[in-house]
Amino acid sequence: MKKLIVLIAAAFALSAPISAFAAMDHGSMKMDHGGHKGNVAHEEVVDGVKVTFSVISMKEHLKSMNMEMPKGMKETHHLMAEFKDAKTGKALTEGDVKVKVQGPDKAAQSKDLMGMEGHFGADFDLSKKGKYGVMSKFKLQDGKVRSSKFWHTVK
């Protein structure tokens, strides 16, 4: 995620003074994934919480902004999770989210998803074609631990 933040900061560097970045924390950053809501990989209701996972190809996202992937960057996809109260539709934006992704070669990556503008997210290396198992555990403000699992295929 830090690499994506650095990449975004570099993109804005020409239009904003450096001193503005010094005082900025990640919570104030607006990560515009709005155009990628169609990349929903999995959606379900778990104990009253609607969870939606999206997988975004960073290469395609950067290409849409006329940018290229930085050389040496291992993470290829942004995994984001959005949580909403299943009855009211109210966004649930505080809590802890842990994700383990197991690749087609059985190699596993585990990360805590960082809270962002209305969702949680982190970057993963999904560079190999095939099926990835995504397992998550999340504890939102009500303190209840929930989990969700799904398969995502990279073509």
N, C-alpha and C. Protein backbone atom coordinates (compact mmCIF):
# COMPACT_ATOMS: atom_id res chain seq x y z
N MET A 1 0.83 -1.19 0.00
CA MET A 1 0.00 0.00 0.00
C MET A 1 0.87 1.24 0.00
N LYS A 2 2.01 1.16 0.71
CA LYS A 2 2.87 2.33 0.78
C LYS A 2 3.36 2.73 -0.60
N LYS A 3 3.62 1.73 -1.46
CA LYS A 3 4.09 2.03 -2.81
C LYS A 3 3.01 2.76 -3.61
N LEU A 4 1.74 2.34 -3.43
CA LEU A 4 0.64 3.00 -4.12
C LEU A 4 0.50 4.44 -3.63
N ILE A 5 0.66 4.65 -2.33
CA ILE A 5 0.58 6.00 -1.77
C ILE A 5 1.69 6.86 -2.34
N VAL A 6 2.90 6.31 -2.40
CA VAL A 6 4.03 7.06 -2.97
C VAL A 6 3.75 7.39 -4.43
N LEU A 7 3.19 6.42 -5.17
CA LEU A 7 2.88 6.65 -6.57
C LEU A 7 1.85 7.76 -6.74
N ILE A 8 0.83 7.75 -5.91
CA ILE A 8 -0.20 8.79 -5.99
C ILE A 8 0.39 10.14 -5.60
N ALA A 9 1.21 10.15 -4.56
CA ALA A 9 1.84 11.39 -4.13
C ALA A 9 2.72 11.96 -5.25
N ALA A 10 3.43 11.07 -5.94
CA ALA A 10 4.28 11.53 -7.04
C ALA A 10 3.44 12.14 -8.17
N ALA A 11 2.28 11.56 -8.41
CA ALA A 11 1.40 12.07 -9.46
C ALA A 11 0.92 13.48 -9.16
N PHE A 12 0.70 13.75 -7.88
CA PHE A 12 0.22 15.07 -7.48
C PHE A 12 1.35 16.06 -7.20
N ALA A 13 2.57 15.59 -7.17
CA ALA A 13 3.70 16.43 -6.78
C ALA A 13 3.86 17.67 -7.66
N LEU A 14 3.50 17.54 -8.92
CA LEU A 14 3.65 18.68 -9.82
C LEU A 14 2.57 19.74 -9.60
N SER A 15 1.48 19.34 -8.96
CA SER A 15 0.38 20.29 -8.80
C SER A 15 0.19 20.78 -7.37
N ALA A 16 0.98 20.31 -6.43
CA ALA A 16 0.83 20.75 -5.04
C ALA A 16 2.19 20.95 -4.41
N PRO A 17 2.30 21.93 -3.53
CA PRO A 17 3.59 22.15 -2.87
C PRO A 17 3.95 20.98 -1.96
N ILE A 18 5.24 20.70 -1.88
CA ILE A 18 5.73 19.60 -1.06
C ILE A 18 5.31 19.76 0.39
N SER A 19 5.26 20.96 0.90
CA SER A 19 4.90 21.17 2.30
C SER A 19 3.48 20.66 2.60
N ALA A 20 2.61 20.63 1.59
CA ALA A 20 1.25 20.14 1.81
C ALA A 20 1.26 18.65 2.11
N PHE A 21 2.21 17.90 1.54
CA PHE A 21 2.28 16.47 1.78
C PHE A 21 2.85 16.15 3.15
N ALA A 22 3.68 17.02 3.68
CA ALA A 22 4.32 16.75 4.96
C ALA A 22 3.30 16.63 6.09
N ALA A 23 2.23 17.39 6.01
CA ALA A 23 1.23 17.39 7.09
C ALA A 23 0.08 16.42 6.83
N MET A 24 0.12 15.68 5.73
CA MET A 24 -1.01 14.83 5.36
C MET A 24 -0.86 13.44 5.95
N ASP A 25 -1.96 12.93 6.53
CA ASP A 25 -1.96 11.54 6.97
C ASP A 25 -2.84 10.73 6.02
N HIS A 26 -2.72 9.40 6.06
CA HIS A 26 -3.44 8.58 5.11
C HIS A 26 -4.95 8.70 5.25
N GLY A 27 -5.43 8.96 6.44
CA GLY A 27 -6.86 9.07 6.65
C GLY A 27 -7.48 10.22 5.87
N SER A 28 -6.67 11.22 5.53
CA SER A 28 -7.20 12.35 4.79
C SER A 28 -7.10 12.16 3.27
N MET A 29 -6.42 11.10 2.84
CA MET A 29 -6.26 10.88 1.40
C MET A 29 -7.56 10.35 0.80
N LYS A 30 -7.90 10.84 -0.33
CA LYS A 30 -9.06 10.35 -1.05
C LYS A 30 -8.56 9.43 -2.15
N MET A 31 -8.84 8.14 -2.00
CA MET A 31 -8.42 7.15 -2.97
C MET A 31 -9.59 6.94 -3.91
N ASP A 32 -9.51 7.42 -5.12
CA ASP A 32 -10.64 7.35 -6.04
C ASP A 32 -10.69 5.99 -6.72
N HIS A 33 -11.49 5.08 -6.14
CA HIS A 33 -11.71 3.79 -6.74
C HIS A 33 -13.13 3.74 -7.31
N GLY A 34 -13.81 4.87 -7.32
CA GLY A 34 -15.21 4.91 -7.72
C GLY A 34 -15.50 4.30 -9.07
N GLY A 35 -14.60 4.45 -10.02
CA GLY A 35 -14.80 3.89 -11.34
C GLY A 35 -14.59 2.40 -11.39
N HIS A 36 -14.18 1.81 -10.30
CA HIS A 36 -13.86 0.39 -10.29
C HIS A 36 -14.83 -0.43 -9.46
N LYS A 37 -15.98 0.10 -9.16
CA LYS A 37 -16.97 -0.64 -8.39
C LYS A 37 -17.43 -1.89 -9.15
N GLY A 38 -17.29 -1.90 -10.46
CA GLY A 38 -17.69 -3.04 -11.28
C GLY A 38 -16.77 -4.23 -11.14
N ASN A 39 -15.64 -4.09 -10.44
CA ASN A 39 -14.69 -5.17 -10.28
C ASN A 39 -15.01 -5.99 -9.03
N VAL A 40 -16.28 -6.15 -8.72
CA VAL A 40 -16.66 -6.88 -7.52
C VAL A 40 -16.28 -8.35 -7.70
N ALA A 41 -15.46 -8.85 -6.76
CA ALA A 41 -15.01 -10.23 -6.81
C ALA A 41 -15.90 -11.13 -5.95
N HIS A 42 -16.50 -10.55 -4.90
CA HIS A 42 -17.31 -11.36 -3.99
C HIS A 42 -18.19 -10.43 -3.16
N GLU A 43 -19.40 -10.90 -2.90
CA GLU A 43 -20.32 -10.13 -2.07
C GLU A 43 -21.18 -11.11 -1.29
N GLU A 44 -21.34 -10.86 0.00
CA GLU A 44 -22.20 -11.70 0.83
C GLU A 44 -22.60 -10.95 2.09
N VAL A 45 -23.61 -11.47 2.78
CA VAL A 45 -24.02 -10.92 4.06
C VAL A 45 -23.57 -11.90 5.14
N VAL A 46 -22.81 -11.39 6.11
CA VAL A 46 -22.30 -12.20 7.21
C VAL A 46 -22.78 -11.58 8.52
N ASP A 47 -23.66 -12.27 9.21
CA ASP A 47 -24.17 -11.81 10.51
C ASP A 47 -24.59 -10.33 10.49
N GLY A 48 -25.41 -9.96 9.52
CA GLY A 48 -25.95 -8.61 9.46
C GLY A 48 -25.07 -7.57 8.79
N VAL A 49 -23.91 -8.01 8.28
CA VAL A 49 -23.00 -7.08 7.60
C VAL A 49 -22.83 -7.52 6.15
N LYS A 50 -23.13 -6.60 5.23
CA LYS A 50 -22.90 -6.87 3.81
C LYS A 50 -21.46 -6.52 3.50
N VAL A 51 -20.69 -7.51 3.05
CA VAL A 51 -19.29 -7.29 2.71
C VAL A 51 -19.13 -7.43 1.20
N THR A 52 -18.43 -6.47 0.62
CA THR A 52 -18.17 -6.47 -0.81
C THR A 52 -16.67 -6.36 -1.02
N PHE A 53 -16.10 -7.36 -1.70
CA PHE A 53 -14.68 -7.35 -2.03
C PHE A 53 -14.52 -7.03 -3.50
N SER A 54 -13.61 -6.12 -3.80
CA SER A 54 -13.26 -5.79 -5.17
C SER A 54 -11.77 -6.00 -5.37
N VAL A 55 -11.40 -6.46 -6.56
CA VAL A 55 -10.00 -6.65 -6.91
C VAL A 55 -9.72 -5.76 -8.11
N ILE A 56 -8.77 -4.85 -7.95
CA ILE A 56 -8.46 -3.87 -8.99
C ILE A 56 -7.05 -4.09 -9.50
N SER A 57 -6.91 -4.27 -10.80
CA SER A 57 -5.59 -4.38 -11.41
C SER A 57 -4.94 -3.00 -11.35
N MET A 58 -3.81 -2.91 -10.68
CA MET A 58 -3.15 -1.61 -10.55
C MET A 58 -2.62 -1.15 -11.91
N LYS A 59 -2.20 -2.08 -12.74
CA LYS A 59 -1.70 -1.73 -14.07
C LYS A 59 -2.81 -1.05 -14.89
N GLU A 60 -4.00 -1.65 -14.87
CA GLU A 60 -5.12 -1.07 -15.62
C GLU A 60 -5.56 0.26 -15.02
N HIS A 61 -5.58 0.34 -13.69
CA HIS A 61 -5.98 1.58 -13.02
C HIS A 61 -5.01 2.71 -13.36
N LEU A 62 -3.72 2.41 -13.30
CA LEU A 62 -2.72 3.43 -13.64
C LEU A 62 -2.79 3.81 -15.11
N LYS A 63 -3.04 2.82 -15.98
CA LYS A 63 -3.16 3.09 -17.41
C LYS A 63 -4.31 4.06 -17.67
N SER A 64 -5.42 3.92 -16.91
CA SER A 64 -6.56 4.82 -17.09
C SER A 64 -6.21 6.25 -16.71
N MET A 65 -5.13 6.41 -15.92
CA MET A 65 -4.67 7.75 -15.53
C MET A 65 -3.42 8.15 -16.33
N ASN A 66 -3.18 7.44 -17.45
CA ASN A 66 -2.02 7.68 -18.30
C ASN A 66 -0.71 7.55 -17.54
N MET A 67 -0.64 6.54 -16.68
CA MET A 67 0.57 6.27 -15.91
C MET A 67 0.96 4.81 -16.12
N GLU A 68 2.20 4.49 -15.77
CA GLU A 68 2.68 3.12 -15.88
C GLU A 68 3.06 2.58 -14.51
N MET A 69 3.07 1.26 -14.39
CA MET A 69 3.50 0.63 -13.15
C MET A 69 4.97 0.95 -12.92
N PRO A 70 5.34 1.32 -11.70
CA PRO A 70 6.75 1.57 -11.41
C PRO A 70 7.55 0.27 -11.52
N LYS A 71 8.76 0.38 -12.04
CA LYS A 71 9.62 -0.79 -12.16
C LYS A 71 9.95 -1.33 -10.78
N GLY A 72 9.96 -2.64 -10.65
CA GLY A 72 10.30 -3.27 -9.39
C GLY A 72 9.15 -3.41 -8.41
N MET A 73 7.98 -2.93 -8.76
CA MET A 73 6.83 -3.03 -7.85
C MET A 73 6.25 -4.44 -7.95
N LYS A 74 6.21 -5.15 -6.82
CA LYS A 74 5.75 -6.54 -6.80
C LYS A 74 4.24 -6.66 -6.76
N GLU A 75 3.59 -5.78 -6.02
CA GLU A 75 2.14 -5.86 -5.88
C GLU A 75 1.46 -5.46 -7.17
N THR A 76 0.54 -6.30 -7.64
CA THR A 76 -0.10 -6.07 -8.94
C THR A 76 -1.57 -5.69 -8.83
N HIS A 77 -2.19 -5.98 -7.67
CA HIS A 77 -3.63 -5.75 -7.53
C HIS A 77 -3.94 -5.12 -6.17
N HIS A 78 -4.96 -4.28 -6.16
CA HIS A 78 -5.46 -3.68 -4.92
C HIS A 78 -6.72 -4.44 -4.53
N LEU A 79 -6.73 -4.98 -3.33
CA LEU A 79 -7.90 -5.68 -2.80
C LEU A 79 -8.58 -4.73 -1.83
N MET A 80 -9.85 -4.46 -2.09
CA MET A 80 -10.59 -3.57 -1.20
C MET A 80 -11.83 -4.27 -0.67
N ALA A 81 -12.16 -3.93 0.57
CA ALA A 81 -13.34 -4.49 1.22
C ALA A 81 -14.20 -3.35 1.74
N GLU A 82 -15.49 -3.42 1.43
CA GLU A 82 -16.44 -2.44 1.93
C GLU A 82 -17.46 -3.17 2.80
N PHE A 83 -17.81 -2.57 3.91
CA PHE A 83 -18.75 -3.17 4.84
C PHE A 83 -19.92 -2.22 5.04
N LYS A 84 -21.14 -2.78 5.02
CA LYS A 84 -22.35 -1.99 5.24
C LYS A 84 -23.30 -2.77 6.13
N ASP A 85 -24.06 -2.04 6.95
CA ASP A 85 -25.11 -2.67 7.72
C ASP A 85 -26.12 -3.22 6.72
N ALA A 86 -26.43 -4.50 6.81
CA ALA A 86 -27.30 -5.14 5.83
C ALA A 86 -28.72 -4.58 5.83
N LYS A 87 -29.18 -4.07 6.96
CA LYS A 87 -30.54 -3.54 7.04
C LYS A 87 -30.63 -2.08 6.61
N THR A 88 -29.68 -1.26 7.07
CA THR A 88 -29.77 0.18 6.81
C THR A 88 -28.94 0.64 5.62
N GLY A 89 -27.95 -0.16 5.24
CA GLY A 89 -27.06 0.25 4.15
C GLY A 89 -25.98 1.22 4.60
N LYS A 90 -25.94 1.53 5.91
CA LYS A 90 -24.95 2.48 6.44
C LYS A 90 -23.55 1.87 6.37
N ALA A 91 -22.60 2.65 5.87
CA ALA A 91 -21.21 2.20 5.75
C ALA A 91 -20.61 1.98 7.13
N LEU A 92 -19.89 0.89 7.27
CA LEU A 92 -19.17 0.56 8.50
C LEU A 92 -17.69 0.71 8.19
N THR A 93 -17.09 1.77 8.71
CA THR A 93 -15.75 2.15 8.27
C THR A 93 -14.67 2.01 9.33
N GLU A 94 -15.03 1.48 10.50
CA GLU A 94 -14.02 1.32 11.55
C GLU A 94 -13.94 -0.12 11.99
N GLY A 95 -12.71 -0.59 12.18
CA GLY A 95 -12.50 -1.96 12.63
C GLY A 95 -11.16 -2.48 12.16
N ASP A 96 -10.97 -3.77 12.34
CA ASP A 96 -9.75 -4.45 11.92
C ASP A 96 -10.10 -5.51 10.89
N VAL A 97 -9.33 -5.53 9.79
CA VAL A 97 -9.58 -6.49 8.73
C VAL A 97 -8.26 -7.17 8.38
N LYS A 98 -8.26 -8.49 8.42
CA LYS A 98 -7.08 -9.26 8.08
C LYS A 98 -7.44 -10.16 6.91
N VAL A 99 -6.51 -10.25 5.93
CA VAL A 99 -6.76 -11.06 4.74
C VAL A 99 -5.55 -11.93 4.46
N LYS A 100 -5.84 -13.17 4.09
CA LYS A 100 -4.80 -14.10 3.64
C LYS A 100 -5.18 -14.50 2.22
N VAL A 101 -4.24 -14.36 1.30
CA VAL A 101 -4.46 -14.73 -0.09
C VAL A 101 -3.51 -15.87 -0.42
N GLN A 102 -4.07 -16.99 -0.88
CA GLN A 102 -3.25 -18.13 -1.27
C GLN A 102 -3.30 -18.25 -2.78
N GLY A 103 -2.13 -18.22 -3.40
CA GLY A 103 -2.04 -18.24 -4.85
C GLY A 103 -2.13 -19.62 -5.46
N PRO A 104 -2.17 -19.68 -6.79
CA PRO A 104 -2.26 -20.96 -7.49
C PRO A 104 -1.04 -21.86 -7.22
N ASP A 105 0.07 -21.26 -6.81
CA ASP A 105 1.28 -22.01 -6.48
C ASP A 105 1.34 -22.36 -5.00
N LYS A 106 0.24 -22.12 -4.27
CA LYS A 106 0.10 -22.38 -2.84
C LYS A 106 0.87 -21.40 -1.95
N ALA A 107 1.56 -20.42 -2.53
CA ALA A 107 2.23 -19.38 -1.74
C ALA A 107 1.17 -18.48 -1.13
N ALA A 108 1.37 -18.08 0.13
CA ALA A 108 0.37 -17.27 0.83
C ALA A 108 0.92 -15.89 1.19
N GLN A 109 0.03 -14.92 1.16
CA GLN A 109 0.33 -13.55 1.57
C GLN A 109 -0.73 -13.16 2.60
N SER A 110 -0.30 -12.63 3.73
CA SER A 110 -1.24 -12.17 4.75
C SER A 110 -0.98 -10.70 5.04
N LYS A 111 -2.06 -9.93 5.11
CA LYS A 111 -1.93 -8.49 5.37
C LYS A 111 -3.13 -8.00 6.15
N ASP A 112 -2.90 -6.93 6.90
CA ASP A 112 -3.99 -6.17 7.51
C ASP A 112 -4.44 -5.16 6.47
N LEU A 113 -5.74 -5.06 6.22
CA LEU A 113 -6.24 -4.05 5.29
C LEU A 113 -6.32 -2.73 6.04
N MET A 114 -5.85 -1.69 5.41
CA MET A 114 -5.81 -0.35 6.00
C MET A 114 -7.14 0.36 5.75
N GLY A 115 -7.64 1.05 6.76
CA GLY A 115 -8.84 1.85 6.59
C GLY A 115 -8.56 3.02 5.66
N MET A 116 -9.42 3.19 4.67
CA MET A 116 -9.29 4.27 3.68
C MET A 116 -10.62 4.98 3.57
N GLU A 117 -10.74 5.85 2.65
CA GLU A 117 -11.95 6.65 2.42
C GLU A 117 -13.16 5.74 2.15
N GLY A 118 -13.80 5.25 3.23
CA GLY A 118 -15.01 4.46 3.09
C GLY A 118 -14.80 2.97 2.86
N HIS A 119 -13.56 2.51 2.81
CA HIS A 119 -13.31 1.09 2.63
C HIS A 119 -11.98 0.72 3.29
N PHE A 120 -11.65 -0.55 3.23
CA PHE A 120 -10.37 -1.04 3.71
C PHE A 120 -9.63 -1.62 2.50
N GLY A 121 -8.30 -1.49 2.46
CA GLY A 121 -7.59 -2.00 1.29
C GLY A 121 -6.13 -2.27 1.53
N ALA A 122 -5.55 -3.08 0.64
CA ALA A 122 -4.12 -3.37 0.63
C ALA A 122 -3.77 -3.91 -0.75
N ASP A 123 -2.49 -3.88 -1.05
CA ASP A 123 -2.01 -4.35 -2.34
C ASP A 123 -1.40 -5.75 -2.20
N PHE A 124 -1.66 -6.59 -3.19
CA PHE A 124 -1.18 -7.97 -3.20
C PHE A 124 -0.55 -8.30 -4.54
N ASP A 125 0.33 -9.31 -4.53
CA ASP A 125 0.94 -9.80 -5.76
C ASP A 125 0.07 -10.93 -6.30
N LEU A 126 -0.71 -10.62 -7.33
CA LEU A 126 -1.54 -11.62 -8.01
C LEU A 126 -1.05 -11.76 -9.45
N SER A 127 0.26 -11.86 -9.62
CA SER A 127 0.86 -11.85 -10.95
C SER A 127 0.75 -13.19 -11.68
N LYS A 128 0.54 -14.27 -10.96
CA LYS A 128 0.41 -15.58 -11.60
C LYS A 128 -1.04 -15.81 -12.01
N LYS A 129 -1.22 -16.39 -13.19
CA LYS A 129 -2.57 -16.70 -13.64
C LYS A 129 -3.08 -17.92 -12.88
N GLY A 130 -4.37 -17.90 -12.59
CA GLY A 130 -4.98 -19.02 -11.89
C GLY A 130 -5.91 -18.57 -10.77
N LYS A 131 -6.28 -19.55 -9.92
CA LYS A 131 -7.23 -19.31 -8.83
C LYS A 131 -6.51 -18.92 -7.56
N TYR A 132 -7.03 -17.87 -6.92
CA TYR A 132 -6.52 -17.40 -5.64
C TYR A 132 -7.62 -17.59 -4.59
N GLY A 133 -7.24 -18.16 -3.47
CA GLY A 133 -8.17 -18.27 -2.35
C GLY A 133 -8.01 -17.04 -1.47
N VAL A 134 -9.10 -16.36 -1.18
CA VAL A 134 -9.07 -15.16 -0.35
C VAL A 134 -9.86 -15.45 0.92
N MET A 135 -9.17 -15.37 2.05
CA MET A 135 -9.79 -15.64 3.35
C MET A 135 -9.65 -14.39 4.20
N SER A 136 -10.76 -13.94 4.77
CA SER A 136 -10.70 -12.73 5.58
C SER A 136 -11.38 -12.94 6.93
N LYS A 137 -10.87 -12.21 7.90
CA LYS A 137 -11.50 -12.10 9.21
C LYS A 137 -11.61 -10.61 9.49
N PHE A 138 -12.77 -10.20 9.97
CA PHE A 138 -12.94 -8.78 10.26
C PHE A 138 -13.72 -8.59 11.55
N LYS A 139 -13.28 -7.60 12.29
CA LYS A 139 -13.91 -7.23 13.55
C LYS A 139 -14.25 -5.75 13.45
N LEU A 140 -15.53 -5.47 13.35
CA LEU A 140 -15.98 -4.09 13.19
C LEU A 140 -16.33 -3.52 14.56
N GLN A 141 -16.96 -2.35 14.58
CA GLN A 141 -17.22 -1.64 15.84
C GLN A 141 -18.03 -2.44 16.85
N ASP A 142 -18.87 -3.36 16.41
CA ASP A 142 -19.69 -4.13 17.37
C ASP A 142 -18.87 -5.19 18.11
N GLY A 143 -17.60 -5.38 17.72
CA GLY A 143 -16.71 -6.30 18.42
C GLY A 143 -16.84 -7.76 18.01
N LYS A 144 -17.78 -8.06 17.13
CA LYS A 144 -18.00 -9.44 16.70
C LYS A 144 -17.02 -9.79 15.56
N VAL A 145 -16.39 -10.95 15.68
CA VAL A 145 -15.46 -11.40 14.63
C VAL A 145 -16.26 -12.17 13.59
N ARG A 146 -16.10 -11.77 12.34
CA ARG A 146 -16.78 -12.42 11.21
C ARG A 146 -15.72 -12.87 10.21
N SER A 147 -16.11 -13.75 9.31
CA SER A 147 -15.16 -14.18 8.28
C SER A 147 -15.87 -14.35 6.95
N SER A 148 -15.07 -14.31 5.91
CA SER A 148 -15.58 -14.49 4.55
C SER A 148 -14.47 -15.13 3.73
N LYS A 149 -14.85 -16.06 2.86
CA LYS A 149 -13.88 -16.73 1.98
C LYS A 149 -14.44 -16.77 0.57
N PHE A 150 -13.56 -16.65 -0.40
CA PHE A 150 -13.98 -16.77 -1.79
C PHE A 150 -12.79 -17.08 -2.68
N TRP A 151 -13.09 -17.47 -3.91
CA TRP A 151 -12.06 -17.72 -4.92
C TRP A 151 -12.08 -16.58 -5.92
N HIS A 152 -10.91 -16.18 -6.36
CA HIS A 152 -10.80 -15.15 -7.40
C HIS A 152 -9.84 -15.67 -8.46
N THR A 153 -10.24 -15.63 -9.72
CA THR A 153 -9.41 -16.13 -10.80
C THR A 153 -8.76 -14.97 -11.55
N VAL A 154 -7.45 -15.06 -11.72
CA VAL A 154 -6.70 -14.09 -12.52
C VAL A 154 -6.44 -14.74 -13.85
N LYS A 155 -6.86 -14.06 -14.93
CA LYS A 155 -6.69 -14.61 -16.28
C LYS A 155 -5.48 -14.03 -16.97
